Amino acid sequence: MRHLTAADIAAFEKIYRLNLVNSITGYKPANLIGTASAAGATNLAIFSSVIHLGSAPAVLGIVTRPATVPRHTYENIKATGCYTINHVPADRVAAAHYTSAEFGRDESEFDQCGFTAEYRDDFPAPYVAECQIGIGLRLKEELPIHNGTVLLVGEVEHVYLPETVLRADGTLDLQQAGAICISGLDGYHQVTPLASFAYARPGQGPQPK
């Protein structure tokens, strides 16, 4: 078994190090973050850093990269306080990845990458019409991290999804929704269900659901 220390990782060539550290966490959710500036200019960017932070109230987090260069998603969220999280469908994976290109401030990734901005229920941030699952959030907290990244904490105000995706117990059939996941920086994967278990209780062992 190979052993890598912090010193080893720091010494690697930049791209190799980026690939390694982005891969060691395993599979991550693939989401498109939809935002609009205060003037209404739309922006769309792929993120793999969406995390669950709590259910009562429903709170999700995203991590943004250091603002050493213009970060349009971060700037728009700060300006309006609102954003959407949209599950990337398998049939739009190439277009979703293309949103990571460095488009200019006056270029909307919705237009450049072939997605449709859709506003719902007077929420100020655009959803992605091509995505089956969309979540509208309002920024509640901004937590700086020591490496210059920022954890943005948002409270869920809206969820849109097909009735057929929502199961009786509240879980989602993500396979039916066509949702995918990411490995590393640029690897995309479809997911096949493996198993589902009941709530774990001591003394019972793992119980199938």
N, C-alpha and C. Protein backbone atom coordinates (compact mmCIF):
# COMPACT_ATOMS: atom_id res chain seq x y z
N MET A 1 0.85 -1.19 0.00
CA MET A 1 0.00 0.00 0.00
C MET A 1 0.89 1.24 0.00
N ARG A 2 0.59 2.18 -0.90
CA ARG A 2 1.37 3.40 -0.96
C ARG A 2 0.94 4.38 0.13
N HIS A 3 1.91 5.06 0.73
CA HIS A 3 1.63 6.03 1.78
C HIS A 3 2.06 7.40 1.29
N LEU A 4 1.12 8.36 1.29
CA LEU A 4 1.41 9.74 0.90
C LEU A 4 1.27 10.64 2.12
N THR A 5 2.28 11.44 2.37
CA THR A 5 2.23 12.39 3.48
C THR A 5 1.82 13.76 2.97
N ALA A 6 1.56 14.67 3.88
CA ALA A 6 1.23 16.05 3.50
C ALA A 6 2.36 16.66 2.68
N ALA A 7 3.60 16.34 3.05
CA ALA A 7 4.76 16.86 2.31
C ALA A 7 4.79 16.30 0.89
N ASP A 8 4.45 15.01 0.74
CA ASP A 8 4.40 14.40 -0.59
C ASP A 8 3.37 15.11 -1.46
N ILE A 9 2.19 15.33 -0.90
CA ILE A 9 1.11 15.96 -1.66
C ILE A 9 1.48 17.37 -2.07
N ALA A 10 2.09 18.12 -1.16
CA ALA A 10 2.49 19.50 -1.46
C ALA A 10 3.54 19.56 -2.55
N ALA A 11 4.35 18.50 -2.68
CA ALA A 11 5.45 18.48 -3.66
C ALA A 11 5.02 18.05 -5.05
N PHE A 12 3.83 17.52 -5.18
CA PHE A 12 3.38 17.06 -6.49
C PHE A 12 3.20 18.23 -7.46
N GLU A 13 3.34 17.95 -8.75
CA GLU A 13 3.03 18.94 -9.79
C GLU A 13 1.57 19.37 -9.62
N LYS A 14 1.26 20.62 -9.95
CA LYS A 14 -0.03 21.23 -9.62
C LYS A 14 -1.22 20.42 -10.12
N ILE A 15 -1.24 20.07 -11.40
CA ILE A 15 -2.40 19.38 -11.95
C ILE A 15 -2.55 17.99 -11.34
N TYR A 16 -1.43 17.31 -11.13
CA TYR A 16 -1.47 16.00 -10.48
C TYR A 16 -2.06 16.13 -9.08
N ARG A 17 -1.62 17.16 -8.35
CA ARG A 17 -2.12 17.38 -6.98
C ARG A 17 -3.61 17.69 -6.99
N LEU A 18 -4.05 18.54 -7.93
CA LEU A 18 -5.47 18.87 -8.04
C LEU A 18 -6.30 17.61 -8.29
N ASN A 19 -5.83 16.79 -9.22
CA ASN A 19 -6.56 15.56 -9.55
C ASN A 19 -6.62 14.62 -8.36
N LEU A 20 -5.50 14.47 -7.66
CA LEU A 20 -5.44 13.56 -6.53
C LEU A 20 -6.38 13.99 -5.40
N VAL A 21 -6.25 15.23 -4.97
CA VAL A 21 -7.02 15.69 -3.81
C VAL A 21 -8.51 15.76 -4.13
N ASN A 22 -8.85 16.06 -5.38
CA ASN A 22 -10.26 16.08 -5.76
C ASN A 22 -10.84 14.68 -5.93
N SER A 23 -9.97 13.66 -6.01
CA SER A 23 -10.45 12.29 -6.17
C SER A 23 -10.55 11.53 -4.86
N ILE A 24 -9.76 11.91 -3.86
CA ILE A 24 -9.69 11.09 -2.64
C ILE A 24 -10.99 11.13 -1.82
N THR A 25 -11.85 12.09 -2.06
CA THR A 25 -13.11 12.14 -1.32
C THR A 25 -14.14 11.16 -1.87
N GLY A 26 -13.88 10.58 -3.05
CA GLY A 26 -14.84 9.67 -3.65
C GLY A 26 -15.85 10.40 -4.51
N TYR A 27 -16.98 9.74 -4.75
CA TYR A 27 -18.01 10.33 -5.61
C TYR A 27 -18.70 11.51 -4.92
N LYS A 28 -19.01 12.52 -5.73
CA LYS A 28 -19.64 13.75 -5.22
C LYS A 28 -20.85 14.08 -6.08
N PRO A 29 -21.84 14.81 -5.53
CA PRO A 29 -23.00 15.17 -6.34
C PRO A 29 -22.64 16.17 -7.43
N ALA A 30 -23.31 16.06 -8.55
CA ALA A 30 -23.11 16.99 -9.66
C ALA A 30 -24.30 17.94 -9.71
N ASN A 31 -24.05 19.21 -9.48
CA ASN A 31 -25.13 20.20 -9.45
C ASN A 31 -24.75 21.44 -10.24
N LEU A 32 -25.75 22.05 -10.83
CA LEU A 32 -25.59 23.35 -11.47
C LEU A 32 -26.16 24.41 -10.55
N ILE A 33 -25.36 25.42 -10.23
CA ILE A 33 -25.80 26.51 -9.37
C ILE A 33 -26.24 27.67 -10.27
N GLY A 34 -27.50 28.03 -10.15
CA GLY A 34 -28.05 29.12 -10.95
C GLY A 34 -28.16 30.40 -10.12
N THR A 35 -27.65 31.50 -10.67
CA THR A 35 -27.71 32.79 -9.98
C THR A 35 -28.01 33.90 -10.99
N ALA A 36 -28.32 35.06 -10.45
CA ALA A 36 -28.49 36.26 -11.26
C ALA A 36 -27.89 37.43 -10.51
N SER A 37 -27.32 38.37 -11.25
CA SER A 37 -26.77 39.57 -10.62
C SER A 37 -27.91 40.48 -10.19
N ALA A 38 -27.58 41.54 -9.47
CA ALA A 38 -28.60 42.51 -9.05
C ALA A 38 -29.29 43.14 -10.26
N ALA A 39 -28.56 43.20 -11.39
CA ALA A 39 -29.13 43.77 -12.61
C ALA A 39 -29.87 42.74 -13.44
N GLY A 40 -29.85 41.47 -13.01
CA GLY A 40 -30.61 40.43 -13.70
C GLY A 40 -29.82 39.58 -14.67
N ALA A 41 -28.50 39.78 -14.77
CA ALA A 41 -27.68 38.97 -15.66
C ALA A 41 -27.50 37.58 -15.06
N THR A 42 -27.82 36.55 -15.83
CA THR A 42 -27.81 35.19 -15.29
C THR A 42 -26.44 34.54 -15.38
N ASN A 43 -26.21 33.57 -14.49
CA ASN A 43 -24.97 32.83 -14.45
C ASN A 43 -25.28 31.39 -14.05
N LEU A 44 -24.49 30.46 -14.58
CA LEU A 44 -24.68 29.05 -14.28
C LEU A 44 -23.32 28.39 -14.16
N ALA A 45 -23.11 27.60 -13.11
CA ALA A 45 -21.80 26.98 -12.88
C ALA A 45 -21.98 25.61 -12.25
N ILE A 46 -21.14 24.67 -12.68
CA ILE A 46 -21.20 23.33 -12.11
C ILE A 46 -20.42 23.29 -10.80
N PHE A 47 -21.00 22.63 -9.80
CA PHE A 47 -20.39 22.48 -8.48
C PHE A 47 -20.46 21.01 -8.06
N SER A 48 -19.43 20.56 -7.35
CA SER A 48 -19.47 19.21 -6.77
C SER A 48 -19.35 19.27 -5.26
N SER A 49 -19.57 20.45 -4.68
CA SER A 49 -19.32 20.65 -3.25
C SER A 49 -20.59 20.85 -2.43
N VAL A 50 -21.75 20.50 -2.97
CA VAL A 50 -22.99 20.66 -2.21
C VAL A 50 -23.05 19.63 -1.09
N ILE A 51 -23.35 20.08 0.13
CA ILE A 51 -23.40 19.18 1.28
C ILE A 51 -24.65 19.45 2.12
N HIS A 52 -25.16 18.39 2.75
CA HIS A 52 -26.29 18.49 3.66
C HIS A 52 -25.79 18.95 5.02
N LEU A 53 -26.43 19.98 5.59
CA LEU A 53 -26.02 20.52 6.89
C LEU A 53 -27.09 20.38 7.96
N GLY A 54 -28.31 20.11 7.58
CA GLY A 54 -29.37 19.97 8.57
C GLY A 54 -30.72 19.87 7.90
N SER A 55 -31.69 19.29 8.62
CA SER A 55 -33.01 19.06 8.04
C SER A 55 -34.13 19.86 8.70
N ALA A 56 -33.89 20.46 9.86
CA ALA A 56 -34.93 21.22 10.55
C ALA A 56 -34.33 22.48 11.16
N PRO A 57 -34.23 23.56 10.42
CA PRO A 57 -34.71 23.73 9.05
C PRO A 57 -33.80 23.05 8.03
N ALA A 58 -34.30 22.95 6.80
CA ALA A 58 -33.51 22.34 5.73
C ALA A 58 -32.40 23.29 5.31
N VAL A 59 -31.16 22.87 5.52
CA VAL A 59 -29.99 23.72 5.27
C VAL A 59 -28.97 22.94 4.45
N LEU A 60 -28.48 23.57 3.40
CA LEU A 60 -27.44 22.99 2.54
C LEU A 60 -26.27 23.95 2.45
N GLY A 61 -25.10 23.40 2.18
CA GLY A 61 -23.91 24.23 2.02
C GLY A 61 -23.27 24.00 0.67
N ILE A 62 -22.60 25.03 0.17
CA ILE A 62 -21.73 24.88 -0.99
C ILE A 62 -20.41 25.58 -0.67
N VAL A 63 -19.33 25.06 -1.21
CA VAL A 63 -18.02 25.65 -1.00
C VAL A 63 -17.59 26.33 -2.28
N THR A 64 -17.23 27.61 -2.18
CA THR A 64 -16.75 28.35 -3.34
C THR A 64 -15.24 28.54 -3.24
N ARG A 65 -14.59 28.62 -4.36
CA ARG A 65 -13.14 28.77 -4.41
C ARG A 65 -12.73 30.19 -4.00
N PRO A 66 -11.46 30.38 -3.66
CA PRO A 66 -10.99 31.70 -3.22
C PRO A 66 -11.30 32.79 -4.24
N ALA A 67 -11.69 33.95 -3.76
CA ALA A 67 -12.06 35.07 -4.63
C ALA A 67 -10.83 35.87 -5.05
N THR A 68 -9.79 35.16 -5.48
CA THR A 68 -8.58 35.81 -5.98
C THR A 68 -8.76 36.28 -7.42
N VAL A 69 -9.78 35.74 -8.08
CA VAL A 69 -10.21 36.17 -9.41
C VAL A 69 -11.72 36.34 -9.34
N PRO A 70 -12.33 36.99 -10.33
CA PRO A 70 -13.78 37.14 -10.28
C PRO A 70 -14.50 35.79 -10.17
N ARG A 71 -15.40 35.67 -9.21
CA ARG A 71 -16.22 34.48 -9.03
C ARG A 71 -17.68 34.90 -9.18
N HIS A 72 -18.23 34.72 -10.36
CA HIS A 72 -19.54 35.27 -10.66
C HIS A 72 -20.64 34.66 -9.80
N THR A 73 -20.55 33.36 -9.53
CA THR A 73 -21.57 32.73 -8.68
C THR A 73 -21.56 33.35 -7.30
N TYR A 74 -20.39 33.44 -6.70
CA TYR A 74 -20.25 34.02 -5.36
C TYR A 74 -20.73 35.47 -5.34
N GLU A 75 -20.32 36.25 -6.33
CA GLU A 75 -20.69 37.66 -6.38
C GLU A 75 -22.21 37.82 -6.49
N ASN A 76 -22.84 36.99 -7.30
CA ASN A 76 -24.29 37.08 -7.47
C ASN A 76 -25.04 36.68 -6.20
N ILE A 77 -24.56 35.64 -5.53
CA ILE A 77 -25.20 35.21 -4.28
C ILE A 77 -25.08 36.31 -3.23
N LYS A 78 -23.92 36.92 -3.15
CA LYS A 78 -23.73 38.02 -2.20
C LYS A 78 -24.64 39.20 -2.53
N ALA A 79 -24.84 39.45 -3.82
CA ALA A 79 -25.62 40.61 -4.24
C ALA A 79 -27.12 40.42 -4.03
N THR A 80 -27.62 39.21 -4.24
CA THR A 80 -29.07 38.99 -4.18
C THR A 80 -29.50 38.12 -3.01
N GLY A 81 -28.58 37.33 -2.46
CA GLY A 81 -28.91 36.45 -1.34
C GLY A 81 -29.60 35.16 -1.75
N CYS A 82 -29.78 34.94 -3.06
CA CYS A 82 -30.53 33.77 -3.51
C CYS A 82 -29.79 33.00 -4.59
N TYR A 83 -30.02 31.70 -4.65
CA TYR A 83 -29.42 30.85 -5.68
C TYR A 83 -30.21 29.56 -5.78
N THR A 84 -29.99 28.83 -6.87
CA THR A 84 -30.66 27.54 -7.04
C THR A 84 -29.62 26.44 -7.21
N ILE A 85 -29.97 25.26 -6.75
CA ILE A 85 -29.16 24.06 -6.94
C ILE A 85 -29.98 23.11 -7.81
N ASN A 86 -29.40 22.68 -8.93
CA ASN A 86 -30.11 21.87 -9.90
C ASN A 86 -29.32 20.60 -10.20
N HIS A 87 -29.95 19.43 -10.04
CA HIS A 87 -29.27 18.17 -10.29
C HIS A 87 -28.97 18.02 -11.79
N VAL A 88 -27.72 17.71 -12.11
CA VAL A 88 -27.33 17.54 -13.50
C VAL A 88 -27.91 16.24 -14.06
N PRO A 89 -28.67 16.29 -15.15
CA PRO A 89 -29.18 15.06 -15.76
C PRO A 89 -28.13 14.43 -16.66
N ALA A 90 -28.19 13.11 -16.79
CA ALA A 90 -27.17 12.38 -17.54
C ALA A 90 -27.10 12.83 -19.00
N ASP A 91 -28.23 13.21 -19.57
CA ASP A 91 -28.23 13.56 -20.99
C ASP A 91 -27.70 14.97 -21.26
N ARG A 92 -27.34 15.71 -20.20
CA ARG A 92 -26.80 17.06 -20.39
C ARG A 92 -25.44 17.24 -19.74
N VAL A 93 -24.74 16.13 -19.55
CA VAL A 93 -23.49 16.18 -18.79
C VAL A 93 -22.41 17.00 -19.49
N ALA A 94 -22.28 16.90 -20.80
CA ALA A 94 -21.25 17.66 -21.52
C ALA A 94 -21.51 19.16 -21.41
N ALA A 95 -22.76 19.54 -21.60
CA ALA A 95 -23.12 20.96 -21.48
C ALA A 95 -22.89 21.47 -20.06
N ALA A 96 -23.20 20.62 -19.07
CA ALA A 96 -22.99 21.02 -17.67
C ALA A 96 -21.51 21.24 -17.39
N HIS A 97 -20.67 20.35 -17.89
CA HIS A 97 -19.22 20.51 -17.68
C HIS A 97 -18.72 21.79 -18.34
N TYR A 98 -19.29 22.14 -19.48
CA TYR A 98 -18.84 23.31 -20.23
C TYR A 98 -19.08 24.61 -19.45
N THR A 99 -20.00 24.59 -18.48
CA THR A 99 -20.22 25.80 -17.69
C THR A 99 -19.00 26.17 -16.85
N SER A 100 -18.04 25.25 -16.72
CA SER A 100 -16.82 25.54 -15.94
C SER A 100 -15.83 26.39 -16.72
N ALA A 101 -16.09 26.62 -18.02
CA ALA A 101 -15.21 27.49 -18.81
C ALA A 101 -15.29 28.92 -18.28
N GLU A 102 -14.24 29.69 -18.48
CA GLU A 102 -14.18 31.05 -17.94
C GLU A 102 -14.85 32.04 -18.89
N PHE A 103 -16.18 32.02 -18.89
CA PHE A 103 -16.93 32.98 -19.69
C PHE A 103 -16.86 34.36 -19.06
N GLY A 104 -17.01 35.38 -19.88
CA GLY A 104 -16.97 36.76 -19.40
C GLY A 104 -18.21 37.11 -18.59
N ARG A 105 -18.10 38.20 -17.84
CA ARG A 105 -19.21 38.63 -16.98
C ARG A 105 -20.47 38.91 -17.77
N ASP A 106 -20.31 39.32 -19.03
CA ASP A 106 -21.47 39.66 -19.85
C ASP A 106 -21.96 38.47 -20.68
N GLU A 107 -21.41 37.28 -20.45
CA GLU A 107 -21.83 36.08 -21.16
C GLU A 107 -22.53 35.15 -20.18
N SER A 108 -23.75 34.77 -20.48
CA SER A 108 -24.49 33.86 -19.61
C SER A 108 -24.20 32.42 -20.01
N GLU A 109 -23.83 31.61 -19.03
CA GLU A 109 -23.61 30.19 -19.31
C GLU A 109 -24.91 29.49 -19.73
N PHE A 110 -26.04 30.02 -19.31
CA PHE A 110 -27.30 29.47 -19.80
C PHE A 110 -27.33 29.51 -21.32
N ASP A 111 -26.98 30.65 -21.88
CA ASP A 111 -27.00 30.81 -23.33
C ASP A 111 -25.84 30.08 -24.00
N GLN A 112 -24.64 30.22 -23.44
CA GLN A 112 -23.45 29.66 -24.06
C GLN A 112 -23.43 28.14 -24.03
N CYS A 113 -24.09 27.54 -23.04
CA CYS A 113 -24.03 26.08 -22.85
C CYS A 113 -25.34 25.37 -23.17
N GLY A 114 -26.33 26.11 -23.65
CA GLY A 114 -27.56 25.49 -24.11
C GLY A 114 -28.57 25.12 -23.04
N PHE A 115 -28.59 25.88 -21.95
CA PHE A 115 -29.59 25.64 -20.90
C PHE A 115 -30.62 26.78 -20.90
N THR A 116 -31.76 26.50 -20.29
CA THR A 116 -32.85 27.48 -20.24
C THR A 116 -33.04 27.98 -18.82
N ALA A 117 -32.92 29.30 -18.63
CA ALA A 117 -33.17 29.90 -17.32
C ALA A 117 -34.67 30.01 -17.10
N GLU A 118 -35.13 29.51 -15.96
CA GLU A 118 -36.55 29.50 -15.67
C GLU A 118 -36.79 30.07 -14.27
N TYR A 119 -37.61 31.11 -14.20
CA TYR A 119 -37.94 31.72 -12.91
C TYR A 119 -39.28 31.17 -12.43
N ARG A 120 -39.35 30.83 -11.14
CA ARG A 120 -40.55 30.21 -10.58
C ARG A 120 -40.96 30.90 -9.28
N ASP A 121 -42.24 31.15 -9.14
CA ASP A 121 -42.82 31.65 -7.89
C ASP A 121 -42.11 32.89 -7.35
N ASP A 122 -41.77 33.79 -8.25
CA ASP A 122 -41.17 35.09 -7.89
C ASP A 122 -39.83 34.97 -7.17
N PHE A 123 -39.17 33.82 -7.26
CA PHE A 123 -37.84 33.66 -6.67
C PHE A 123 -36.82 34.34 -7.58
N PRO A 124 -35.88 35.14 -7.02
CA PRO A 124 -35.01 35.97 -7.85
C PRO A 124 -33.86 35.26 -8.55
N ALA A 125 -33.66 33.98 -8.28
CA ALA A 125 -32.58 33.23 -8.95
C ALA A 125 -33.17 32.24 -9.94
N PRO A 126 -32.51 32.02 -11.07
CA PRO A 126 -33.06 31.14 -12.10
C PRO A 126 -32.80 29.67 -11.83
N TYR A 127 -33.79 28.86 -12.13
CA TYR A 127 -33.64 27.40 -12.15
C TYR A 127 -33.23 26.97 -13.55
N VAL A 128 -32.79 25.72 -13.68
CA VAL A 128 -32.44 25.16 -14.97
C VAL A 128 -33.61 24.31 -15.44
N ALA A 129 -34.26 24.72 -16.50
CA ALA A 129 -35.47 24.04 -16.97
C ALA A 129 -35.21 22.59 -17.34
N GLU A 130 -33.99 22.29 -17.79
CA GLU A 130 -33.66 20.94 -18.23
C GLU A 130 -33.38 19.97 -17.09
N CYS A 131 -33.30 20.46 -15.87
CA CYS A 131 -33.01 19.61 -14.71
C CYS A 131 -34.31 19.21 -14.02
N GLN A 132 -34.45 17.94 -13.66
CA GLN A 132 -35.68 17.47 -13.04
C GLN A 132 -35.80 17.91 -11.59
N ILE A 133 -34.69 18.08 -10.90
CA ILE A 133 -34.72 18.45 -9.48
C ILE A 133 -34.07 19.82 -9.31
N GLY A 134 -34.81 20.77 -8.77
CA GLY A 134 -34.30 22.12 -8.54
C GLY A 134 -34.63 22.59 -7.13
N ILE A 135 -33.68 23.26 -6.50
CA ILE A 135 -33.83 23.71 -5.12
C ILE A 135 -33.52 25.20 -5.06
N GLY A 136 -34.41 25.97 -4.45
CA GLY A 136 -34.19 27.40 -4.27
C GLY A 136 -33.76 27.69 -2.85
N LEU A 137 -32.63 28.39 -2.70
CA LEU A 137 -32.08 28.66 -1.37
C LEU A 137 -31.84 30.15 -1.15
N ARG A 138 -31.90 30.54 0.12
CA ARG A 138 -31.56 31.90 0.51
C ARG A 138 -30.35 31.83 1.44
N LEU A 139 -29.35 32.64 1.14
CA LEU A 139 -28.11 32.65 1.92
C LEU A 139 -28.36 33.07 3.36
N LYS A 140 -27.85 32.28 4.31
CA LYS A 140 -28.00 32.58 5.73
C LYS A 140 -26.68 32.88 6.41
N GLU A 141 -25.60 32.33 5.88
CA GLU A 141 -24.33 32.43 6.58
C GLU A 141 -23.19 32.24 5.60
N GLU A 142 -22.10 32.92 5.87
CA GLU A 142 -20.88 32.79 5.06
C GLU A 142 -19.72 32.51 6.01
N LEU A 143 -19.09 31.34 5.84
CA LEU A 143 -18.04 30.93 6.77
C LEU A 143 -16.71 30.80 6.04
N PRO A 144 -15.76 31.70 6.30
CA PRO A 144 -14.45 31.59 5.65
C PRO A 144 -13.68 30.38 6.15
N ILE A 145 -12.95 29.75 5.26
CA ILE A 145 -12.12 28.60 5.59
C ILE A 145 -10.66 29.02 5.44
N HIS A 146 -9.78 28.41 6.21
CA HIS A 146 -8.41 28.90 6.30
C HIS A 146 -7.65 28.90 4.98
N ASN A 147 -8.08 28.12 3.98
CA ASN A 147 -7.37 28.08 2.70
C ASN A 147 -7.91 29.10 1.70
N GLY A 148 -8.81 29.95 2.13
CA GLY A 148 -9.35 30.99 1.25
C GLY A 148 -10.69 30.64 0.63
N THR A 149 -11.09 29.38 0.74
CA THR A 149 -12.42 29.02 0.25
C THR A 149 -13.48 29.50 1.24
N VAL A 150 -14.73 29.46 0.81
CA VAL A 150 -15.82 29.96 1.64
C VAL A 150 -16.97 28.95 1.63
N LEU A 151 -17.49 28.63 2.80
CA LEU A 151 -18.68 27.80 2.91
C LEU A 151 -19.90 28.71 2.96
N LEU A 152 -20.75 28.60 1.97
CA LEU A 152 -21.99 29.36 1.93
C LEU A 152 -23.12 28.47 2.43
N VAL A 153 -23.80 28.92 3.48
CA VAL A 153 -24.87 28.15 4.10
C VAL A 153 -26.20 28.75 3.68
N GLY A 154 -27.03 27.93 3.05
CA GLY A 154 -28.32 28.42 2.58
C GLY A 154 -29.48 27.61 3.10
N GLU A 155 -30.58 28.28 3.38
CA GLU A 155 -31.79 27.60 3.84
C GLU A 155 -32.70 27.33 2.64
N VAL A 156 -33.20 26.11 2.57
CA VAL A 156 -34.05 25.71 1.45
C VAL A 156 -35.41 26.38 1.57
N GLU A 157 -35.80 27.10 0.51
CA GLU A 157 -37.12 27.72 0.48
C GLU A 157 -38.07 27.04 -0.51
N HIS A 158 -37.52 26.41 -1.53
CA HIS A 158 -38.34 25.77 -2.55
C HIS A 158 -37.66 24.50 -3.04
N VAL A 159 -38.45 23.47 -3.33
CA VAL A 159 -37.96 22.26 -3.98
C VAL A 159 -38.95 21.90 -5.09
N TYR A 160 -38.42 21.65 -6.28
CA TYR A 160 -39.24 21.22 -7.41
C TYR A 160 -38.72 19.88 -7.91
N LEU A 161 -39.63 18.92 -8.09
CA LEU A 161 -39.24 17.61 -8.57
C LEU A 161 -40.47 16.88 -9.07
N PRO A 162 -40.30 15.91 -9.96
CA PRO A 162 -41.46 15.14 -10.45
C PRO A 162 -42.06 14.30 -9.34
N GLU A 163 -43.37 14.14 -9.37
CA GLU A 163 -44.05 13.31 -8.37
C GLU A 163 -43.50 11.89 -8.38
N THR A 164 -43.13 11.39 -9.55
CA THR A 164 -42.67 10.01 -9.67
C THR A 164 -41.31 9.78 -9.04
N VAL A 165 -40.57 10.84 -8.77
CA VAL A 165 -39.23 10.73 -8.18
C VAL A 165 -39.31 10.65 -6.65
N LEU A 166 -40.38 11.23 -6.07
CA LEU A 166 -40.54 11.28 -4.62
C LEU A 166 -41.18 10.00 -4.11
N ARG A 167 -40.44 9.24 -3.30
CA ARG A 167 -40.95 7.98 -2.77
C ARG A 167 -41.84 8.23 -1.54
N ALA A 168 -42.56 7.19 -1.14
CA ALA A 168 -43.51 7.30 -0.02
C ALA A 168 -42.82 7.65 1.29
N ASP A 169 -41.54 7.24 1.45
CA ASP A 169 -40.83 7.51 2.72
C ASP A 169 -40.05 8.82 2.69
N GLY A 170 -40.19 9.60 1.63
CA GLY A 170 -39.50 10.89 1.54
C GLY A 170 -38.18 10.84 0.80
N THR A 171 -37.65 9.65 0.54
CA THR A 171 -36.41 9.56 -0.24
C THR A 171 -36.71 9.80 -1.71
N LEU A 172 -35.65 10.06 -2.48
CA LEU A 172 -35.81 10.33 -3.90
C LEU A 172 -35.25 9.19 -4.74
N ASP A 173 -35.91 8.90 -5.84
CA ASP A 173 -35.39 7.94 -6.81
C ASP A 173 -34.50 8.72 -7.78
N LEU A 174 -33.24 8.88 -7.38
CA LEU A 174 -32.32 9.70 -8.15
C LEU A 174 -31.98 9.07 -9.50
N GLN A 175 -32.03 7.75 -9.57
CA GLN A 175 -31.77 7.09 -10.85
C GLN A 175 -32.86 7.44 -11.85
N GLN A 176 -34.10 7.42 -11.41
CA GLN A 176 -35.20 7.79 -12.30
C GLN A 176 -35.08 9.24 -12.73
N ALA A 177 -34.58 10.08 -11.83
CA ALA A 177 -34.41 11.50 -12.16
C ALA A 177 -33.24 11.73 -13.11
N GLY A 178 -32.45 10.68 -13.37
CA GLY A 178 -31.31 10.81 -14.27
C GLY A 178 -30.13 11.53 -13.66
N ALA A 179 -30.11 11.66 -12.32
CA ALA A 179 -29.03 12.39 -11.66
C ALA A 179 -27.71 11.62 -11.76
N ILE A 180 -26.62 12.37 -11.83
CA ILE A 180 -25.29 11.76 -11.95
C ILE A 180 -24.40 12.25 -10.82
N CYS A 181 -23.18 11.72 -10.78
CA CYS A 181 -22.21 12.17 -9.78
C CYS A 181 -20.87 12.41 -10.45
N ILE A 182 -19.96 13.01 -9.68
CA ILE A 182 -18.65 13.42 -10.18
C ILE A 182 -17.56 12.73 -9.38
N SER A 183 -16.49 12.33 -10.07
CA SER A 183 -15.26 11.91 -9.39
C SER A 183 -14.15 12.82 -9.88
N GLY A 184 -13.29 13.23 -8.96
CA GLY A 184 -12.21 14.14 -9.33
C GLY A 184 -12.77 15.46 -9.83
N LEU A 185 -12.11 16.01 -10.85
CA LEU A 185 -12.52 17.28 -11.42
C LEU A 185 -13.41 17.13 -12.64
N ASP A 186 -13.27 16.02 -13.36
CA ASP A 186 -13.92 15.95 -14.66
C ASP A 186 -14.44 14.56 -15.03
N GLY A 187 -14.61 13.68 -14.03
CA GLY A 187 -15.17 12.37 -14.30
C GLY A 187 -16.63 12.32 -13.90
N TYR A 188 -17.49 11.88 -14.80
CA TYR A 188 -18.93 11.86 -14.54
C TYR A 188 -19.44 10.42 -14.59
N HIS A 189 -20.36 10.09 -13.69
CA HIS A 189 -20.79 8.71 -13.54
C HIS A 189 -22.30 8.61 -13.35
N GLN A 190 -22.88 7.58 -13.94
CA GLN A 190 -24.25 7.23 -13.63
C GLN A 190 -24.24 6.28 -12.43
N VAL A 191 -25.31 6.31 -11.65
CA VAL A 191 -25.34 5.57 -10.40
C VAL A 191 -26.35 4.44 -10.48
N THR A 192 -25.94 3.25 -10.04
CA THR A 192 -26.83 2.10 -9.96
C THR A 192 -27.09 1.78 -8.49
N PRO A 193 -28.36 1.72 -8.05
CA PRO A 193 -28.64 1.41 -6.63
C PRO A 193 -28.03 0.08 -6.22
N LEU A 194 -27.48 0.04 -5.02
CA LEU A 194 -26.85 -1.17 -4.50
C LEU A 194 -27.68 -1.81 -3.39
N ALA A 195 -28.07 -1.02 -2.39
CA ALA A 195 -28.84 -1.55 -1.26
C ALA A 195 -29.50 -0.40 -0.53
N SER A 196 -30.52 -0.72 0.27
CA SER A 196 -31.19 0.26 1.11
C SER A 196 -31.52 -0.40 2.43
N PHE A 197 -31.22 0.29 3.54
CA PHE A 197 -31.38 -0.30 4.86
C PHE A 197 -32.32 0.52 5.73
N ALA A 198 -32.97 -0.15 6.67
CA ALA A 198 -33.83 0.52 7.65
C ALA A 198 -32.97 1.29 8.65
N TYR A 199 -33.60 2.17 9.41
CA TYR A 199 -32.91 2.94 10.45
C TYR A 199 -32.16 1.98 11.39
N ALA A 200 -30.87 2.23 11.60
CA ALA A 200 -30.04 1.31 12.37
C ALA A 200 -30.28 1.47 13.87
N ARG A 201 -30.46 0.35 14.54
CA ARG A 201 -30.64 0.33 16.01
C ARG A 201 -29.72 -0.73 16.61
N PRO A 202 -29.08 -0.39 17.75
CA PRO A 202 -28.17 -1.35 18.38
C PRO A 202 -28.85 -2.68 18.68
N GLY A 203 -28.11 -3.75 18.50
CA GLY A 203 -28.61 -5.07 18.81
C GLY A 203 -29.43 -5.75 17.74
N GLN A 204 -29.74 -5.00 16.67
CA GLN A 204 -30.57 -5.59 15.61
C GLN A 204 -29.76 -6.01 14.39
N GLY A 205 -28.57 -5.43 14.25
CA GLY A 205 -27.82 -5.67 13.02
C GLY A 205 -28.45 -4.91 11.87
N PRO A 206 -27.77 -4.87 10.73
CA PRO A 206 -28.34 -4.15 9.58
C PRO A 206 -29.59 -4.83 9.06
N GLN A 207 -30.67 -4.06 8.93
CA GLN A 207 -31.95 -4.58 8.49
C GLN A 207 -32.29 -4.03 7.10
N PRO A 208 -32.61 -4.90 6.16
CA PRO A 208 -33.01 -4.41 4.83
C PRO A 208 -34.29 -3.59 4.93
N LYS A 209 -34.40 -2.64 4.05
CA LYS A 209 -35.55 -1.74 4.07
C LYS A 209 -36.70 -2.36 3.25
